């Protein structure tokens, strides 16, 4: 139920800002794909059971952020990752810095921001996951992408979601690996 809520929020944001394109393209890129969850637990990396999440991300353009950026493009992003199984889904927001290779159709990207897990709403009342320190955290991600024709791109993303032991338990970080397609407008 909560996962559907996050998916609807992201879709509503995307639909609500598309008509606002006059001279400035406020939503220049949408990405979507699948993520393999928990790749840091030592199990087989390329197992089909690992692909357990769907991801959608919106990247926005703000000319004020890029006015001082000589190298690369700094863009706010918002996204959601929905679990197919019993793992928590999450929504996230932050800033992404994209660096395009000078001649090659390749780019790299670093992202940093906050994340809110569905356990904030769905965990039992006395569960440590429900506390603000555990369900709200940090998201750091790195991506390598290949620009394709017609504004499309193929992107490999590695993300890390640490909780820094904020619930009074040992740190329970999650590291996920994903493949996404992006579309620039």
N, C-alpha and C. Protein backbone atom coordinates (compact mmCIF):
# COMPACT_ATOMS: atom_id res chain seq x y z
N UNK A 1 0.82 -1.19 0.00
CA UNK A 1 0.00 0.00 0.00
C UNK A 1 0.87 1.25 0.00
N UNK A 2 1.86 1.28 0.87
CA UNK A 2 2.74 2.44 0.96
C UNK A 2 3.60 2.55 -0.29
N UNK A 3 4.00 1.40 -0.87
CA UNK A 3 4.80 1.42 -2.09
C UNK A 3 4.02 2.05 -3.22
N UNK A 4 2.74 1.74 -3.29
CA UNK A 4 1.90 2.36 -4.33
C UNK A 4 1.80 3.86 -4.11
N UNK A 5 1.73 4.27 -2.85
CA UNK A 5 1.68 5.69 -2.53
C UNK A 5 2.89 6.42 -3.10
N UNK A 6 4.10 5.87 -2.86
CA UNK A 6 5.32 6.51 -3.36
C UNK A 6 5.34 6.55 -4.89
N UNK A 7 4.91 5.46 -5.52
CA UNK A 7 4.87 5.43 -6.99
C UNK A 7 3.91 6.49 -7.52
N UNK A 8 2.75 6.65 -6.88
CA UNK A 8 1.79 7.66 -7.31
C UNK A 8 2.31 9.07 -7.10
N UNK A 9 3.03 9.31 -6.02
CA UNK A 9 3.61 10.63 -5.76
C UNK A 9 4.60 11.00 -6.87
N UNK A 10 5.48 10.07 -7.22
CA UNK A 10 6.48 10.34 -8.26
C UNK A 10 5.81 10.56 -9.60
N UNK A 11 4.80 9.75 -9.93
CA UNK A 11 4.09 9.92 -11.20
C UNK A 11 3.35 11.25 -11.23
N UNK A 12 2.74 11.64 -10.13
CA UNK A 12 2.02 12.91 -10.07
C UNK A 12 2.96 14.09 -10.26
N UNK A 13 4.14 14.00 -9.66
CA UNK A 13 5.13 15.05 -9.86
C UNK A 13 5.51 15.17 -11.32
N UNK A 14 5.70 14.04 -11.96
CA UNK A 14 6.07 14.04 -13.37
C UNK A 14 4.97 14.58 -14.26
N UNK A 15 3.72 14.22 -13.99
CA UNK A 15 2.61 14.69 -14.80
C UNK A 15 2.29 16.16 -14.54
N UNK A 16 2.51 16.60 -13.32
CA UNK A 16 2.18 17.98 -12.96
C UNK A 16 3.11 19.01 -13.54
N UNK A 17 4.32 18.63 -13.89
CA UNK A 17 5.26 19.64 -14.36
C UNK A 17 5.53 19.58 -15.86
N UNK A 18 5.01 18.58 -16.54
CA UNK A 18 5.26 18.49 -17.97
C UNK A 18 4.66 19.68 -18.73
N UNK A 19 3.42 20.15 -18.43
CA UNK A 19 2.88 21.28 -19.19
C UNK A 19 3.61 22.59 -18.95
N UNK A 20 4.47 22.69 -17.96
CA UNK A 20 5.13 23.95 -17.64
C UNK A 20 6.35 24.20 -18.51
N UNK A 21 6.45 23.55 -19.65
CA UNK A 21 7.60 23.72 -20.51
C UNK A 21 7.34 24.84 -21.51
N UNK A 22 7.87 25.99 -21.29
CA UNK A 22 7.76 27.08 -22.25
C UNK A 22 9.12 27.23 -22.91
N UNK A 23 9.96 28.11 -22.39
CA UNK A 23 11.31 28.26 -22.91
C UNK A 23 12.30 27.42 -22.12
N UNK A 24 11.97 27.09 -20.91
CA UNK A 24 12.88 26.37 -20.04
C UNK A 24 12.32 24.99 -19.75
N UNK A 25 13.11 23.95 -19.98
CA UNK A 25 12.68 22.58 -19.76
C UNK A 25 12.96 22.20 -18.30
N UNK A 26 11.93 22.25 -17.47
CA UNK A 26 12.06 22.01 -16.04
C UNK A 26 12.34 20.54 -15.72
N UNK A 27 11.82 19.62 -16.54
CA UNK A 27 12.02 18.18 -16.34
C UNK A 27 12.74 17.61 -17.56
N UNK A 28 14.07 17.72 -17.59
CA UNK A 28 14.77 17.28 -18.78
C UNK A 28 15.02 15.78 -18.87
N UNK A 29 14.83 15.01 -17.77
CA UNK A 29 15.15 13.59 -17.86
C UNK A 29 14.31 12.75 -16.90
N UNK A 30 13.88 11.58 -17.40
CA UNK A 30 13.19 10.56 -16.62
C UNK A 30 13.95 9.27 -16.79
N UNK A 31 14.12 8.53 -15.69
CA UNK A 31 14.83 7.24 -15.72
C UNK A 31 13.98 6.17 -15.07
N UNK A 32 14.12 4.96 -15.55
CA UNK A 32 13.41 3.84 -14.94
C UNK A 32 14.14 2.54 -15.20
N UNK A 33 14.02 1.60 -14.28
CA UNK A 33 14.69 0.32 -14.47
C UNK A 33 14.49 -0.61 -13.29
N UNK A 34 15.39 -1.60 -13.19
CA UNK A 34 15.32 -2.60 -12.13
C UNK A 34 16.59 -2.54 -11.30
N UNK A 35 16.45 -2.94 -10.04
CA UNK A 35 17.57 -2.93 -9.10
C UNK A 35 17.71 -4.32 -8.47
N UNK A 36 18.95 -4.73 -8.30
CA UNK A 36 19.27 -5.95 -7.55
C UNK A 36 19.58 -5.52 -6.13
N UNK A 37 18.80 -5.98 -5.18
CA UNK A 37 18.94 -5.52 -3.81
C UNK A 37 19.92 -6.33 -2.99
N UNK A 38 20.53 -5.68 -2.02
CA UNK A 38 21.39 -6.33 -1.05
C UNK A 38 22.61 -7.03 -1.63
N UNK A 39 23.31 -6.37 -2.54
CA UNK A 39 24.45 -7.03 -3.19
C UNK A 39 25.66 -7.15 -2.28
N UNK A 40 25.61 -6.54 -1.10
CA UNK A 40 26.75 -6.57 -0.19
C UNK A 40 26.67 -7.69 0.84
N UNK A 41 25.72 -8.62 0.69
CA UNK A 41 25.58 -9.68 1.69
C UNK A 41 26.38 -10.94 1.37
N UNK A 42 27.14 -10.95 0.27
CA UNK A 42 28.01 -12.07 -0.03
C UNK A 42 27.38 -13.16 -0.88
N UNK A 43 26.09 -13.12 -1.16
CA UNK A 43 25.45 -14.13 -2.00
C UNK A 43 25.78 -13.86 -3.47
N UNK A 44 25.35 -14.75 -4.33
CA UNK A 44 25.66 -14.63 -5.76
C UNK A 44 25.09 -13.34 -6.33
N UNK A 45 25.94 -12.56 -6.98
CA UNK A 45 25.56 -11.24 -7.48
C UNK A 45 24.57 -11.31 -8.64
N UNK A 46 24.78 -12.22 -9.57
CA UNK A 46 23.98 -12.23 -10.79
C UNK A 46 22.83 -13.24 -10.74
N UNK A 47 22.33 -13.52 -9.57
CA UNK A 47 21.20 -14.41 -9.40
C UNK A 47 19.91 -13.67 -9.77
N UNK A 48 18.98 -14.36 -10.43
CA UNK A 48 17.72 -13.71 -10.83
C UNK A 48 16.86 -13.34 -9.62
N UNK A 49 17.05 -14.01 -8.48
CA UNK A 49 16.29 -13.67 -7.28
C UNK A 49 16.67 -12.30 -6.72
N UNK A 50 17.86 -11.82 -7.07
CA UNK A 50 18.32 -10.51 -6.57
C UNK A 50 17.54 -9.35 -7.18
N UNK A 51 17.04 -9.51 -8.39
CA UNK A 51 16.31 -8.41 -9.03
C UNK A 51 14.95 -8.33 -8.36
N UNK A 52 14.88 -7.43 -7.38
CA UNK A 52 13.70 -7.39 -6.52
C UNK A 52 13.07 -6.01 -6.39
N UNK A 53 13.54 -5.05 -7.16
CA UNK A 53 13.03 -3.68 -7.05
C UNK A 53 12.86 -3.05 -8.44
N UNK A 54 11.87 -2.18 -8.55
CA UNK A 54 11.71 -1.34 -9.74
C UNK A 54 11.98 0.10 -9.31
N UNK A 55 12.63 0.86 -10.16
CA UNK A 55 13.04 2.22 -9.81
C UNK A 55 12.57 3.21 -10.87
N UNK A 56 12.13 4.37 -10.43
CA UNK A 56 11.84 5.49 -11.32
C UNK A 56 12.45 6.75 -10.70
N UNK A 57 13.03 7.59 -11.54
CA UNK A 57 13.70 8.80 -11.04
C UNK A 57 13.45 9.94 -12.00
N UNK A 58 13.18 11.10 -11.46
CA UNK A 58 12.99 12.33 -12.23
C UNK A 58 14.14 13.27 -11.90
N UNK A 59 14.79 13.81 -12.94
CA UNK A 59 15.85 14.79 -12.74
C UNK A 59 15.36 16.13 -13.28
N UNK A 60 15.55 17.16 -12.50
CA UNK A 60 15.05 18.49 -12.83
C UNK A 60 16.19 19.42 -13.23
N UNK A 61 15.88 20.45 -13.95
CA UNK A 61 16.87 21.45 -14.33
C UNK A 61 16.61 22.74 -13.56
N UNK A 62 17.66 23.32 -13.06
CA UNK A 62 17.59 24.63 -12.41
C UNK A 62 18.76 25.45 -12.89
N UNK A 63 18.52 26.49 -13.67
CA UNK A 63 19.64 27.26 -14.22
C UNK A 63 20.51 27.91 -13.15
N UNK A 64 19.95 28.24 -12.01
CA UNK A 64 20.75 28.88 -10.96
C UNK A 64 21.83 27.94 -10.42
N UNK A 65 21.53 26.63 -10.34
CA UNK A 65 22.53 25.68 -9.87
C UNK A 65 23.66 25.49 -10.88
N UNK A 66 23.35 25.55 -12.16
CA UNK A 66 24.36 25.32 -13.19
C UNK A 66 25.10 26.58 -13.60
N UNK A 67 24.69 27.73 -13.13
CA UNK A 67 25.35 28.98 -13.50
C UNK A 67 26.81 29.01 -13.04
N UNK A 68 27.11 28.41 -11.89
CA UNK A 68 28.47 28.43 -11.36
C UNK A 68 29.24 27.15 -11.69
N UNK A 69 28.57 26.16 -12.23
CA UNK A 69 29.20 24.87 -12.50
C UNK A 69 29.88 24.88 -13.87
N UNK A 70 31.20 24.96 -13.85
CA UNK A 70 31.97 24.95 -15.10
C UNK A 70 32.03 23.54 -15.68
N UNK A 71 32.19 22.57 -14.81
CA UNK A 71 32.30 21.19 -15.25
C UNK A 71 31.06 20.44 -14.81
N UNK A 72 30.34 19.89 -15.74
CA UNK A 72 29.21 19.04 -15.40
C UNK A 72 27.91 19.79 -15.24
N UNK A 73 26.92 19.04 -14.83
CA UNK A 73 25.56 19.53 -14.69
C UNK A 73 25.05 19.11 -13.31
N UNK A 74 24.63 20.06 -12.51
CA UNK A 74 24.11 19.79 -11.17
C UNK A 74 22.60 19.89 -11.23
N UNK A 75 21.91 18.77 -10.87
CA UNK A 75 20.45 18.73 -10.98
C UNK A 75 19.82 18.09 -9.76
N UNK A 76 18.72 18.66 -9.27
CA UNK A 76 17.95 18.00 -8.22
C UNK A 76 17.26 16.76 -8.79
N UNK A 77 17.06 15.77 -7.95
CA UNK A 77 16.34 14.57 -8.38
C UNK A 77 15.38 14.12 -7.29
N UNK A 78 14.37 13.39 -7.71
CA UNK A 78 13.44 12.72 -6.80
C UNK A 78 13.13 11.36 -7.42
N UNK A 79 13.05 10.34 -6.58
CA UNK A 79 12.82 9.02 -7.12
C UNK A 79 12.15 8.11 -6.11
N UNK A 80 11.78 6.93 -6.60
CA UNK A 80 11.18 5.91 -5.75
C UNK A 80 11.64 4.54 -6.23
N UNK A 81 11.89 3.67 -5.28
CA UNK A 81 12.23 2.29 -5.57
C UNK A 81 11.21 1.43 -4.85
N UNK A 82 10.48 0.63 -5.63
CA UNK A 82 9.39 -0.19 -5.11
C UNK A 82 9.84 -1.64 -5.10
N UNK A 83 9.67 -2.31 -3.97
CA UNK A 83 10.07 -3.71 -3.81
C UNK A 83 9.00 -4.64 -4.36
N UNK A 84 9.46 -5.72 -5.03
CA UNK A 84 8.54 -6.76 -5.50
C UNK A 84 8.20 -7.73 -4.38
N UNK A 85 9.03 -7.78 -3.35
CA UNK A 85 8.87 -8.77 -2.29
C UNK A 85 8.55 -8.15 -0.96
N UNK A 86 9.16 -8.70 0.09
CA UNK A 86 8.87 -8.24 1.44
C UNK A 86 9.88 -7.21 1.95
N UNK A 87 10.80 -6.78 1.12
CA UNK A 87 11.75 -5.75 1.52
C UNK A 87 11.07 -4.39 1.50
N UNK A 88 11.58 -3.42 2.27
CA UNK A 88 10.94 -2.10 2.26
C UNK A 88 11.17 -1.35 0.95
N UNK A 89 10.19 -0.60 0.55
CA UNK A 89 10.32 0.31 -0.58
C UNK A 89 10.79 1.64 -0.02
N UNK A 90 11.24 2.54 -0.88
CA UNK A 90 11.71 3.83 -0.37
C UNK A 90 11.61 4.90 -1.44
N UNK A 91 11.50 6.13 -0.96
CA UNK A 91 11.54 7.31 -1.81
C UNK A 91 12.77 8.11 -1.44
N UNK A 92 13.31 8.86 -2.39
CA UNK A 92 14.53 9.62 -2.12
C UNK A 92 14.54 10.91 -2.92
N UNK A 93 15.36 11.84 -2.46
CA UNK A 93 15.53 13.12 -3.14
C UNK A 93 16.92 13.65 -2.81
N UNK A 94 17.47 14.47 -3.70
CA UNK A 94 18.79 15.02 -3.48
C UNK A 94 19.31 15.74 -4.70
N UNK A 95 20.64 15.76 -4.84
CA UNK A 95 21.30 16.40 -5.97
C UNK A 95 22.16 15.39 -6.71
N UNK A 96 22.16 15.50 -8.04
CA UNK A 96 23.00 14.66 -8.89
C UNK A 96 23.94 15.56 -9.68
N UNK A 97 25.20 15.14 -9.79
CA UNK A 97 26.19 15.88 -10.56
C UNK A 97 26.63 14.98 -11.70
N UNK A 98 26.35 15.39 -12.93
CA UNK A 98 26.63 14.59 -14.12
C UNK A 98 27.79 15.20 -14.89
N UNK A 99 28.79 14.36 -15.21
CA UNK A 99 29.95 14.77 -16.00
C UNK A 99 29.95 14.00 -17.31
N UNK A 100 29.89 14.71 -18.42
CA UNK A 100 29.89 14.12 -19.75
C UNK A 100 31.32 14.03 -20.26
N UNK A 101 31.69 12.88 -20.83
CA UNK A 101 33.01 12.74 -21.45
C UNK A 101 33.09 13.68 -22.64
N UNK A 102 34.26 14.28 -22.92
CA UNK A 102 34.37 15.26 -23.99
C UNK A 102 33.99 14.76 -25.38
N UNK A 103 34.42 13.59 -25.78
CA UNK A 103 34.17 13.11 -27.14
C UNK A 103 33.28 11.88 -27.15
N UNK A 104 33.44 11.01 -26.19
CA UNK A 104 32.70 9.76 -26.14
C UNK A 104 31.27 9.98 -25.66
N UNK A 105 30.35 9.07 -26.03
CA UNK A 105 28.96 9.19 -25.55
C UNK A 105 28.78 8.57 -24.17
N UNK A 106 29.71 8.85 -23.26
CA UNK A 106 29.73 8.25 -21.93
C UNK A 106 29.65 9.37 -20.89
N UNK A 107 28.96 9.08 -19.78
CA UNK A 107 28.92 10.04 -18.68
C UNK A 107 29.02 9.29 -17.36
N UNK A 108 29.45 10.02 -16.34
CA UNK A 108 29.47 9.51 -14.96
C UNK A 108 28.65 10.46 -14.11
N UNK A 109 28.13 9.94 -13.01
CA UNK A 109 27.26 10.76 -12.18
C UNK A 109 27.42 10.36 -10.72
N UNK A 110 27.39 11.34 -9.86
CA UNK A 110 27.41 11.13 -8.41
C UNK A 110 26.16 11.78 -7.83
N UNK A 111 25.50 11.08 -6.92
CA UNK A 111 24.27 11.58 -6.31
C UNK A 111 24.35 11.44 -4.80
N UNK A 112 23.79 12.42 -4.12
CA UNK A 112 23.74 12.39 -2.67
C UNK A 112 22.42 13.01 -2.22
N UNK A 113 21.79 12.41 -1.24
CA UNK A 113 20.52 12.94 -0.75
C UNK A 113 19.98 12.14 0.40
N UNK A 114 18.71 12.35 0.66
CA UNK A 114 18.04 11.66 1.75
C UNK A 114 17.10 10.59 1.23
N UNK A 115 16.76 9.65 2.12
CA UNK A 115 15.86 8.55 1.77
C UNK A 115 14.87 8.35 2.90
N UNK A 116 13.64 7.97 2.55
CA UNK A 116 12.61 7.62 3.53
C UNK A 116 12.07 6.25 3.16
N UNK A 117 12.21 5.29 4.07
CA UNK A 117 11.75 3.93 3.86
C UNK A 117 10.29 3.78 4.26
N UNK A 118 9.61 2.82 3.65
CA UNK A 118 8.21 2.56 4.01
C UNK A 118 8.07 2.04 5.43
N UNK A 119 9.15 1.55 6.03
CA UNK A 119 9.07 1.08 7.41
C UNK A 119 8.70 2.20 8.39
N UNK A 120 8.89 3.44 7.97
CA UNK A 120 8.47 4.57 8.80
C UNK A 120 6.97 4.51 9.07
N UNK A 121 6.21 3.96 8.12
CA UNK A 121 4.76 3.89 8.25
C UNK A 121 4.25 2.48 8.54
N UNK A 122 4.96 1.46 8.06
CA UNK A 122 4.41 0.11 8.11
C UNK A 122 4.94 -0.76 9.24
N UNK A 123 6.03 -0.40 9.89
CA UNK A 123 6.59 -1.24 10.96
C UNK A 123 5.68 -1.17 12.19
N UNK A 124 5.69 -2.23 13.02
CA UNK A 124 4.90 -2.20 14.26
C UNK A 124 5.34 -1.04 15.16
N UNK A 125 4.47 -0.60 16.03
CA UNK A 125 4.72 0.56 16.88
C UNK A 125 6.02 0.49 17.66
N UNK A 126 6.39 -0.67 18.18
CA UNK A 126 7.59 -0.79 19.01
C UNK A 126 8.83 -1.20 18.22
N UNK A 127 8.74 -1.31 16.91
CA UNK A 127 9.88 -1.72 16.08
C UNK A 127 10.85 -0.55 15.91
N UNK A 128 12.17 -0.79 16.06
CA UNK A 128 13.14 0.29 15.88
C UNK A 128 13.13 0.89 14.48
N UNK A 129 12.68 0.13 13.48
CA UNK A 129 12.63 0.65 12.10
C UNK A 129 11.67 1.81 11.96
N UNK A 130 10.72 1.92 12.89
CA UNK A 130 9.73 2.99 12.79
C UNK A 130 10.27 4.33 13.29
N UNK A 131 11.39 4.29 13.97
CA UNK A 131 11.92 5.53 14.51
C UNK A 131 12.46 6.42 13.40
N UNK A 132 12.48 7.69 13.65
CA UNK A 132 12.92 8.67 12.67
C UNK A 132 14.35 8.42 12.22
N UNK A 133 15.19 7.97 13.13
CA UNK A 133 16.59 7.76 12.80
C UNK A 133 16.84 6.58 11.89
N UNK A 134 15.95 5.62 11.84
CA UNK A 134 16.17 4.43 11.02
C UNK A 134 15.45 4.49 9.69
N UNK A 135 14.26 5.00 9.67
CA UNK A 135 13.48 5.02 8.44
C UNK A 135 13.85 6.21 7.55
N UNK A 136 14.50 7.21 8.10
CA UNK A 136 14.98 8.35 7.34
C UNK A 136 16.50 8.28 7.35
N UNK A 137 17.11 8.35 6.20
CA UNK A 137 18.57 8.21 6.16
C UNK A 137 19.21 8.89 4.97
N UNK A 138 20.37 8.40 4.64
CA UNK A 138 21.19 8.94 3.58
C UNK A 138 21.18 8.00 2.38
N UNK A 139 21.26 8.56 1.19
CA UNK A 139 21.41 7.77 -0.04
C UNK A 139 22.56 8.36 -0.83
N UNK A 140 23.55 7.53 -1.12
CA UNK A 140 24.67 7.92 -1.97
C UNK A 140 24.69 6.97 -3.16
N UNK A 141 24.87 7.51 -4.36
CA UNK A 141 24.83 6.67 -5.56
C UNK A 141 25.87 7.16 -6.57
N UNK A 142 26.33 6.23 -7.36
CA UNK A 142 27.22 6.52 -8.47
C UNK A 142 26.72 5.80 -9.70
N UNK A 143 26.82 6.44 -10.86
CA UNK A 143 26.32 5.86 -12.10
C UNK A 143 27.32 6.05 -13.22
N UNK A 144 27.28 5.13 -14.16
CA UNK A 144 28.02 5.23 -15.41
C UNK A 144 26.99 5.01 -16.50
N UNK A 145 26.97 5.91 -17.49
CA UNK A 145 25.95 5.82 -18.52
C UNK A 145 26.50 5.93 -19.92
N UNK A 146 25.72 5.42 -20.84
CA UNK A 146 26.04 5.46 -22.27
C UNK A 146 24.90 6.17 -22.97
N UNK A 147 25.21 7.28 -23.65
CA UNK A 147 24.19 8.01 -24.39
C UNK A 147 23.85 7.24 -25.67
N UNK A 148 22.56 7.05 -25.91
CA UNK A 148 22.05 6.35 -27.08
C UNK A 148 21.35 7.36 -27.98
N UNK A 149 21.00 6.97 -29.21
CA UNK A 149 20.28 7.89 -30.09
C UNK A 149 18.92 8.31 -29.53
N UNK A 150 18.39 9.39 -30.03
CA UNK A 150 17.06 9.93 -29.71
C UNK A 150 16.91 10.31 -28.25
N UNK A 151 17.98 10.76 -27.60
CA UNK A 151 17.90 11.25 -26.23
C UNK A 151 17.82 10.16 -25.18
N UNK A 152 18.02 8.92 -25.55
CA UNK A 152 17.97 7.82 -24.59
C UNK A 152 19.35 7.56 -24.01
N UNK A 153 19.39 6.89 -22.88
CA UNK A 153 20.67 6.49 -22.28
C UNK A 153 20.48 5.19 -21.51
N UNK A 154 21.54 4.42 -21.43
CA UNK A 154 21.59 3.19 -20.66
C UNK A 154 22.51 3.45 -19.48
N UNK A 155 22.02 3.19 -18.25
CA UNK A 155 22.73 3.63 -17.06
C UNK A 155 22.88 2.47 -16.07
N UNK A 156 24.09 2.25 -15.57
CA UNK A 156 24.34 1.31 -14.48
C UNK A 156 24.54 2.13 -13.22
N UNK A 157 23.81 1.79 -12.16
CA UNK A 157 23.84 2.57 -10.93
C UNK A 157 24.13 1.69 -9.73
N UNK A 158 25.02 2.16 -8.87
CA UNK A 158 25.32 1.52 -7.60
C UNK A 158 24.92 2.51 -6.51
N UNK A 159 24.01 2.07 -5.61
CA UNK A 159 23.56 2.96 -4.54
C UNK A 159 23.81 2.32 -3.18
N UNK A 160 24.04 3.17 -2.19
CA UNK A 160 24.31 2.72 -0.83
C UNK A 160 23.41 3.50 0.12
N UNK A 161 22.69 2.76 0.98
CA UNK A 161 21.74 3.36 1.91
C UNK A 161 22.13 2.98 3.34
N UNK A 162 23.03 3.73 3.98
CA UNK A 162 23.43 3.40 5.35
C UNK A 162 22.44 3.95 6.37
N UNK A 163 22.37 3.29 7.53
CA UNK A 163 21.57 3.86 8.62
C UNK A 163 22.45 4.29 9.79
N UNK A 164 23.77 4.06 9.70
CA UNK A 164 24.76 4.50 10.69
C UNK A 164 24.46 4.00 12.10
N UNK A 165 23.70 2.91 12.21
CA UNK A 165 23.37 2.37 13.52
C UNK A 165 22.46 3.29 14.32
N UNK A 166 21.65 4.09 13.66
CA UNK A 166 20.83 5.11 14.32
C UNK A 166 19.72 4.55 15.19
N UNK A 167 19.38 3.28 15.03
CA UNK A 167 18.31 2.69 15.84
C UNK A 167 18.83 2.05 17.11
N UNK A 168 20.10 2.22 17.40
CA UNK A 168 20.67 1.56 18.56
C UNK A 168 21.03 0.12 18.27
N UNK A 169 21.05 -0.25 17.01
CA UNK A 169 21.43 -1.58 16.57
C UNK A 169 22.67 -1.45 15.70
N UNK A 170 23.36 -2.54 15.39
CA UNK A 170 24.51 -2.43 14.48
C UNK A 170 24.06 -1.87 13.13
N UNK A 171 24.97 -1.21 12.45
CA UNK A 171 24.64 -0.59 11.17
C UNK A 171 24.08 -1.62 10.20
N UNK A 172 22.95 -1.25 9.58
CA UNK A 172 22.30 -2.12 8.60
C UNK A 172 22.23 -1.40 7.27
N UNK A 173 23.32 -1.33 6.58
CA UNK A 173 23.35 -0.64 5.29
C UNK A 173 22.83 -1.57 4.20
N UNK A 174 22.34 -0.98 3.15
CA UNK A 174 21.88 -1.72 1.98
C UNK A 174 22.60 -1.17 0.77
N UNK A 175 23.16 -2.05 -0.04
CA UNK A 175 23.82 -1.65 -1.28
C UNK A 175 23.10 -2.34 -2.43
N UNK A 176 22.68 -1.55 -3.41
CA UNK A 176 21.90 -2.07 -4.53
C UNK A 176 22.57 -1.70 -5.84
N UNK A 177 22.40 -2.57 -6.83
CA UNK A 177 22.96 -2.37 -8.17
C UNK A 177 21.81 -2.41 -9.16
N UNK A 178 21.77 -1.43 -10.06
CA UNK A 178 20.65 -1.37 -10.98
C UNK A 178 21.04 -1.04 -12.40
N UNK A 179 20.13 -1.36 -13.30
CA UNK A 179 20.25 -1.00 -14.72
C UNK A 179 18.99 -0.22 -15.06
N UNK A 180 19.19 0.96 -15.63
CA UNK A 180 18.05 1.83 -15.94
C UNK A 180 18.18 2.40 -17.35
N UNK A 181 17.04 2.77 -17.91
CA UNK A 181 16.99 3.52 -19.16
C UNK A 181 16.57 4.94 -18.84
N UNK A 182 17.20 5.90 -19.47
CA UNK A 182 16.87 7.29 -19.26
C UNK A 182 16.39 7.92 -20.56
N UNK A 183 15.54 8.92 -20.45
CA UNK A 183 15.06 9.67 -21.61
C UNK A 183 15.18 11.14 -21.32
N UNK A 184 15.92 11.84 -22.17
CA UNK A 184 16.05 13.30 -22.09
C UNK A 184 15.06 13.95 -23.04
N UNK A 185 14.49 15.05 -22.59
CA UNK A 185 13.52 15.78 -23.41
C UNK A 185 14.13 17.08 -23.90
